[in-house]
Amino acid sequence: MNFLEESMDMSSAMIEDVDDLDLIPDDELEETYLERIVGLKEMFPRPVRTGGAFVVNSTKSSSIWLYHFIKSAVWITTTSAIILALPLAIEMSQIQAADEMKKVRQEKLFAK
């Protein structure tokens, strides 16, 4: 058997192994995104899939932890600032109002 006959035998064997889906043009196939993602499972070995799942899960849990931490930090900072600064601001405005009334009273008293 020569090279030409061997290649013809291999091509006929390959044609017989073609799946029915391979005969349908790609633009006529309707496939959901979920089916495509599940199909990718065959493309990547198990260690890659488990590593990817670990990265996704740890990123998700870290993001949730960071969100809760920032939310608590903002709440603590805001309430502390209000509790500490608001009485001081009110006292300062009362002192300024008293000084203003004192000036007005002195102007009225000495203006005559």
N, C-alpha and C. Protein backbone atom coordinates (compact mmCIF):
# COMPACT_ATOMS: atom_id res chain seq x y z
N MET A 1 0.84 -1.17 0.00
CA MET A 1 0.00 0.00 0.00
C MET A 1 0.89 1.23 0.00
N ASN A 2 0.60 2.14 -0.86
CA ASN A 2 1.43 3.33 -0.92
C ASN A 2 0.79 4.48 -0.13
N PHE A 3 1.47 5.60 -0.13
CA PHE A 3 1.06 6.74 0.69
C PHE A 3 -0.30 7.28 0.27
N LEU A 4 -0.58 7.33 -1.01
CA LEU A 4 -1.84 7.85 -1.53
C LEU A 4 -3.02 7.00 -1.07
N GLU A 5 -2.87 5.71 -1.13
CA GLU A 5 -3.96 4.82 -0.70
C GLU A 5 -4.20 4.94 0.80
N GLU A 6 -3.13 5.09 1.57
CA GLU A 6 -3.28 5.24 3.02
C GLU A 6 -4.01 6.52 3.36
N SER A 7 -3.67 7.61 2.68
CA SER A 7 -4.32 8.88 2.98
C SER A 7 -5.79 8.84 2.58
N MET A 8 -6.14 8.12 1.52
CA MET A 8 -7.54 8.00 1.11
C MET A 8 -8.32 7.17 2.12
N ASP A 9 -7.71 6.11 2.65
CA ASP A 9 -8.37 5.30 3.67
C ASP A 9 -8.62 6.12 4.93
N MET A 10 -7.63 6.95 5.31
CA MET A 10 -7.78 7.78 6.50
C MET A 10 -8.85 8.84 6.31
N SER A 11 -8.93 9.43 5.12
CA SER A 11 -9.93 10.46 4.88
C SER A 11 -11.33 9.85 4.87
N SER A 12 -11.49 8.64 4.35
CA SER A 12 -12.81 8.01 4.37
C SER A 12 -13.18 7.64 5.80
N ALA A 13 -12.22 7.24 6.62
CA ALA A 13 -12.50 6.93 8.02
C ALA A 13 -12.88 8.20 8.78
N MET A 14 -12.23 9.31 8.43
CA MET A 14 -12.55 10.57 9.10
C MET A 14 -13.94 11.03 8.73
N ILE A 15 -14.34 10.85 7.49
CA ILE A 15 -15.67 11.26 7.05
C ILE A 15 -16.73 10.45 7.79
N GLU A 16 -16.48 9.18 8.03
CA GLU A 16 -17.45 8.35 8.74
C GLU A 16 -17.58 8.77 10.20
N ASP A 17 -16.50 9.33 10.79
CA ASP A 17 -16.52 9.73 12.20
C ASP A 17 -17.16 11.10 12.41
N VAL A 18 -17.53 11.80 11.38
CA VAL A 18 -18.11 13.14 11.51
C VAL A 18 -19.47 13.04 12.19
N ASP A 19 -19.67 13.88 13.16
CA ASP A 19 -20.93 13.91 13.90
C ASP A 19 -21.97 14.66 13.07
N ASP A 20 -23.25 14.41 13.35
CA ASP A 20 -24.32 15.09 12.62
C ASP A 20 -24.29 16.59 12.87
N LEU A 21 -23.89 17.01 14.08
CA LEU A 21 -23.84 18.44 14.38
C LEU A 21 -22.75 19.14 13.60
N ASP A 22 -21.71 18.41 13.19
CA ASP A 22 -20.64 19.02 12.42
C ASP A 22 -21.10 19.35 11.00
N LEU A 23 -22.13 18.72 10.54
CA LEU A 23 -22.63 18.98 9.19
C LEU A 23 -23.51 20.22 9.13
N ILE A 24 -24.03 20.66 10.27
CA ILE A 24 -24.89 21.85 10.32
C ILE A 24 -24.00 23.09 10.37
N PRO A 25 -24.27 24.10 9.53
CA PRO A 25 -23.46 25.33 9.59
C PRO A 25 -23.57 26.00 10.96
N ASP A 26 -22.50 26.68 11.35
CA ASP A 26 -22.44 27.30 12.67
C ASP A 26 -23.51 28.36 12.89
N ASP A 27 -23.86 29.09 11.83
CA ASP A 27 -24.86 30.15 12.01
C ASP A 27 -26.27 29.60 12.19
N GLU A 28 -26.49 28.35 11.89
CA GLU A 28 -27.81 27.74 12.08
C GLU A 28 -27.95 27.07 13.44
N LEU A 29 -26.85 26.87 14.13
CA LEU A 29 -26.92 26.26 15.46
C LEU A 29 -27.38 27.30 16.47
N GLU A 30 -28.35 26.94 17.28
CA GLU A 30 -28.79 27.82 18.34
C GLU A 30 -28.37 27.20 19.66
N GLU A 31 -27.58 27.95 20.40
CA GLU A 31 -27.01 27.43 21.61
C GLU A 31 -27.10 28.52 22.68
N THR A 32 -27.53 28.16 23.85
CA THR A 32 -27.63 29.15 24.92
C THR A 32 -26.25 29.40 25.52
N TYR A 33 -26.15 30.50 26.26
CA TYR A 33 -24.87 30.81 26.90
C TYR A 33 -24.53 29.75 27.95
N LEU A 34 -25.54 29.24 28.63
CA LEU A 34 -25.29 28.20 29.63
C LEU A 34 -24.70 26.95 28.98
N GLU A 35 -25.24 26.57 27.81
CA GLU A 35 -24.70 25.41 27.10
C GLU A 35 -23.26 25.64 26.67
N ARG A 36 -22.95 26.88 26.29
CA ARG A 36 -21.58 27.18 25.89
C ARG A 36 -20.64 27.10 27.08
N ILE A 37 -21.08 27.61 28.22
CA ILE A 37 -20.23 27.57 29.42
C ILE A 37 -20.02 26.13 29.86
N VAL A 38 -21.08 25.34 29.84
CA VAL A 38 -20.95 23.93 30.20
C VAL A 38 -20.03 23.22 29.21
N GLY A 39 -20.09 23.61 27.95
CA GLY A 39 -19.21 23.02 26.95
C GLY A 39 -17.75 23.35 27.19
N LEU A 40 -17.48 24.50 27.82
CA LEU A 40 -16.09 24.85 28.13
C LEU A 40 -15.49 23.92 29.19
N LYS A 41 -16.35 23.24 29.93
CA LYS A 41 -15.86 22.32 30.96
C LYS A 41 -14.97 21.24 30.34
N GLU A 42 -15.29 20.84 29.14
CA GLU A 42 -14.49 19.82 28.48
C GLU A 42 -13.14 20.36 28.04
N MET A 43 -13.04 21.68 27.90
CA MET A 43 -11.83 22.29 27.37
C MET A 43 -10.74 22.43 28.43
N PHE A 44 -11.14 22.64 29.70
CA PHE A 44 -10.17 22.88 30.75
C PHE A 44 -10.09 21.68 31.69
N PRO A 45 -8.90 21.33 32.14
CA PRO A 45 -8.77 20.19 33.07
C PRO A 45 -9.30 20.57 34.46
N ARG A 46 -9.54 19.56 35.27
CA ARG A 46 -10.14 19.75 36.59
C ARG A 46 -9.34 20.70 37.49
N PRO A 47 -7.99 20.62 37.54
CA PRO A 47 -7.26 21.56 38.41
C PRO A 47 -7.47 23.02 38.02
N VAL A 48 -7.58 23.28 36.73
CA VAL A 48 -7.82 24.66 36.28
C VAL A 48 -9.21 25.10 36.71
N ARG A 49 -10.19 24.23 36.58
CA ARG A 49 -11.56 24.57 36.96
C ARG A 49 -11.66 24.81 38.46
N THR A 50 -11.03 23.94 39.27
CA THR A 50 -11.11 24.13 40.72
C THR A 50 -10.34 25.37 41.14
N GLY A 51 -9.23 25.65 40.50
CA GLY A 51 -8.48 26.88 40.80
C GLY A 51 -9.28 28.12 40.44
N GLY A 52 -9.94 28.09 39.30
CA GLY A 52 -10.78 29.21 38.91
C GLY A 52 -11.95 29.40 39.85
N ALA A 53 -12.56 28.29 40.27
CA ALA A 53 -13.67 28.38 41.22
C ALA A 53 -13.19 28.94 42.55
N PHE A 54 -11.99 28.54 42.99
CA PHE A 54 -11.43 29.07 44.24
C PHE A 54 -11.21 30.57 44.14
N VAL A 55 -10.66 31.03 43.02
CA VAL A 55 -10.42 32.46 42.84
C VAL A 55 -11.73 33.23 42.84
N VAL A 56 -12.73 32.72 42.14
CA VAL A 56 -14.02 33.41 42.08
C VAL A 56 -14.67 33.45 43.46
N ASN A 57 -14.67 32.33 44.18
CA ASN A 57 -15.30 32.29 45.50
C ASN A 57 -14.56 33.17 46.50
N SER A 58 -13.23 33.16 46.47
CA SER A 58 -12.49 34.01 47.41
C SER A 58 -12.66 35.48 47.07
N THR A 59 -12.74 35.82 45.79
CA THR A 59 -12.98 37.20 45.40
C THR A 59 -14.37 37.65 45.87
N LYS A 60 -15.34 36.78 45.70
CA LYS A 60 -16.70 37.11 46.13
C LYS A 60 -16.76 37.31 47.64
N SER A 61 -16.17 36.40 48.41
CA SER A 61 -16.23 36.53 49.86
C SER A 61 -15.43 37.73 50.34
N SER A 62 -14.30 38.02 49.69
CA SER A 62 -13.52 39.19 50.06
C SER A 62 -14.27 40.48 49.76
N SER A 63 -14.97 40.51 48.64
CA SER A 63 -15.75 41.69 48.29
C SER A 63 -16.88 41.91 49.28
N ILE A 64 -17.55 40.84 49.67
CA ILE A 64 -18.63 40.96 50.65
C ILE A 64 -18.09 41.44 51.99
N TRP A 65 -16.95 40.87 52.43
CA TRP A 65 -16.34 41.30 53.69
C TRP A 65 -15.94 42.77 53.62
N LEU A 66 -15.34 43.19 52.50
CA LEU A 66 -14.91 44.59 52.34
C LEU A 66 -16.11 45.53 52.35
N TYR A 67 -17.20 45.14 51.70
CA TYR A 67 -18.41 45.96 51.70
C TYR A 67 -18.92 46.15 53.12
N HIS A 68 -19.02 45.07 53.88
CA HIS A 68 -19.51 45.18 55.26
C HIS A 68 -18.56 46.00 56.13
N PHE A 69 -17.25 45.83 55.94
CA PHE A 69 -16.27 46.59 56.70
C PHE A 69 -16.39 48.08 56.41
N ILE A 70 -16.48 48.44 55.14
CA ILE A 70 -16.58 49.85 54.76
C ILE A 70 -17.89 50.44 55.26
N LYS A 71 -18.97 49.65 55.17
CA LYS A 71 -20.26 50.13 55.66
C LYS A 71 -20.18 50.42 57.16
N SER A 72 -19.58 49.53 57.93
CA SER A 72 -19.43 49.74 59.37
C SER A 72 -18.51 50.92 59.67
N ALA A 73 -17.42 51.02 58.93
CA ALA A 73 -16.48 52.12 59.16
C ALA A 73 -17.11 53.47 58.87
N VAL A 74 -17.88 53.56 57.81
CA VAL A 74 -18.56 54.82 57.48
C VAL A 74 -19.59 55.15 58.55
N TRP A 75 -20.34 54.15 59.01
CA TRP A 75 -21.34 54.38 60.05
C TRP A 75 -20.68 54.86 61.35
N ILE A 76 -19.61 54.20 61.77
CA ILE A 76 -18.93 54.58 63.01
C ILE A 76 -18.33 55.98 62.88
N THR A 77 -17.70 56.27 61.77
CA THR A 77 -17.09 57.59 61.57
C THR A 77 -18.14 58.69 61.55
N THR A 78 -19.23 58.46 60.84
CA THR A 78 -20.27 59.48 60.74
C THR A 78 -20.93 59.74 62.08
N THR A 79 -21.31 58.69 62.77
CA THR A 79 -21.99 58.90 64.05
C THR A 79 -21.04 59.50 65.08
N SER A 80 -19.77 59.09 65.08
CA SER A 80 -18.81 59.68 66.01
C SER A 80 -18.61 61.16 65.72
N ALA A 81 -18.51 61.51 64.46
CA ALA A 81 -18.33 62.92 64.10
C ALA A 81 -19.55 63.74 64.51
N ILE A 82 -20.73 63.18 64.31
CA ILE A 82 -21.95 63.91 64.70
C ILE A 82 -21.99 64.07 66.22
N ILE A 83 -21.71 63.02 66.94
CA ILE A 83 -21.78 63.08 68.41
C ILE A 83 -20.71 64.02 68.96
N LEU A 84 -19.52 64.03 68.38
CA LEU A 84 -18.45 64.87 68.90
C LEU A 84 -18.51 66.30 68.38
N ALA A 85 -18.87 66.51 67.15
CA ALA A 85 -18.79 67.83 66.53
C ALA A 85 -20.08 68.64 66.66
N LEU A 86 -21.21 68.00 66.70
CA LEU A 86 -22.47 68.73 66.74
C LEU A 86 -22.63 69.57 68.01
N PRO A 87 -22.35 69.03 69.18
CA PRO A 87 -22.46 69.89 70.38
C PRO A 87 -21.49 71.08 70.33
N LEU A 88 -20.29 70.86 69.80
CA LEU A 88 -19.32 71.94 69.68
C LEU A 88 -19.83 73.01 68.71
N ALA A 89 -20.40 72.59 67.59
CA ALA A 89 -20.92 73.55 66.61
C ALA A 89 -22.09 74.34 67.19
N ILE A 90 -22.96 73.67 67.92
CA ILE A 90 -24.09 74.37 68.54
C ILE A 90 -23.59 75.37 69.58
N GLU A 91 -22.64 74.99 70.38
CA GLU A 91 -22.08 75.88 71.41
C GLU A 91 -21.40 77.08 70.77
N MET A 92 -20.66 76.85 69.70
CA MET A 92 -19.99 77.95 69.00
C MET A 92 -20.99 78.92 68.41
N SER A 93 -22.08 78.42 67.85
CA SER A 93 -23.09 79.32 67.29
C SER A 93 -23.79 80.11 68.40
N GLN A 94 -24.00 79.51 69.56
CA GLN A 94 -24.60 80.23 70.69
C GLN A 94 -23.65 81.32 71.20
N ILE A 95 -22.36 81.02 71.26
CA ILE A 95 -21.39 82.01 71.69
C ILE A 95 -21.33 83.18 70.71
N GLN A 96 -21.35 82.88 69.41
CA GLN A 96 -21.33 83.94 68.40
C GLN A 96 -22.60 84.78 68.47
N ALA A 97 -23.74 84.12 68.68
CA ALA A 97 -24.99 84.88 68.80
C ALA A 97 -24.96 85.77 70.04
N ALA A 98 -24.42 85.28 71.15
CA ALA A 98 -24.33 86.08 72.37
C ALA A 98 -23.39 87.27 72.16
N ASP A 99 -22.26 87.05 71.48
CA ASP A 99 -21.33 88.14 71.20
C ASP A 99 -21.99 89.19 70.30
N GLU A 100 -22.75 88.73 69.33
CA GLU A 100 -23.44 89.63 68.41
C GLU A 100 -24.46 90.48 69.17
N MET A 101 -25.22 89.84 70.06
CA MET A 101 -26.21 90.58 70.85
C MET A 101 -25.51 91.57 71.78
N LYS A 102 -24.37 91.19 72.32
CA LYS A 102 -23.61 92.06 73.20
C LYS A 102 -23.14 93.31 72.44
N LYS A 103 -22.66 93.11 71.20
CA LYS A 103 -22.21 94.24 70.37
C LYS A 103 -23.37 95.17 70.06
N VAL A 104 -24.50 94.58 69.70
CA VAL A 104 -25.68 95.40 69.37
C VAL A 104 -26.12 96.20 70.60
N ARG A 105 -26.12 95.58 71.75
CA ARG A 105 -26.53 96.24 72.99
C ARG A 105 -25.56 97.39 73.32
N GLN A 106 -24.26 97.16 73.15
CA GLN A 106 -23.29 98.21 73.43
C GLN A 106 -23.43 99.36 72.43
N GLU A 107 -23.69 99.05 71.15
CA GLU A 107 -23.87 100.11 70.17
C GLU A 107 -25.09 100.95 70.49
N LYS A 108 -26.17 100.32 70.93
CA LYS A 108 -27.37 101.06 71.28
C LYS A 108 -27.14 101.91 72.54
N LEU A 109 -26.41 101.38 73.49
CA LEU A 109 -26.17 102.05 74.74
C LEU A 109 -25.25 103.26 74.56
N PHE A 110 -24.18 103.13 73.79
CA PHE A 110 -23.23 104.21 73.62
C PHE A 110 -23.51 105.08 72.41
N ALA A 111 -24.46 104.71 71.58
CA ALA A 111 -24.77 105.51 70.39
C ALA A 111 -25.55 106.74 70.77
N LYS A 112 -26.22 106.77 71.86
CA LYS A 112 -27.03 107.92 72.23
C LYS A 112 -26.25 108.96 72.93
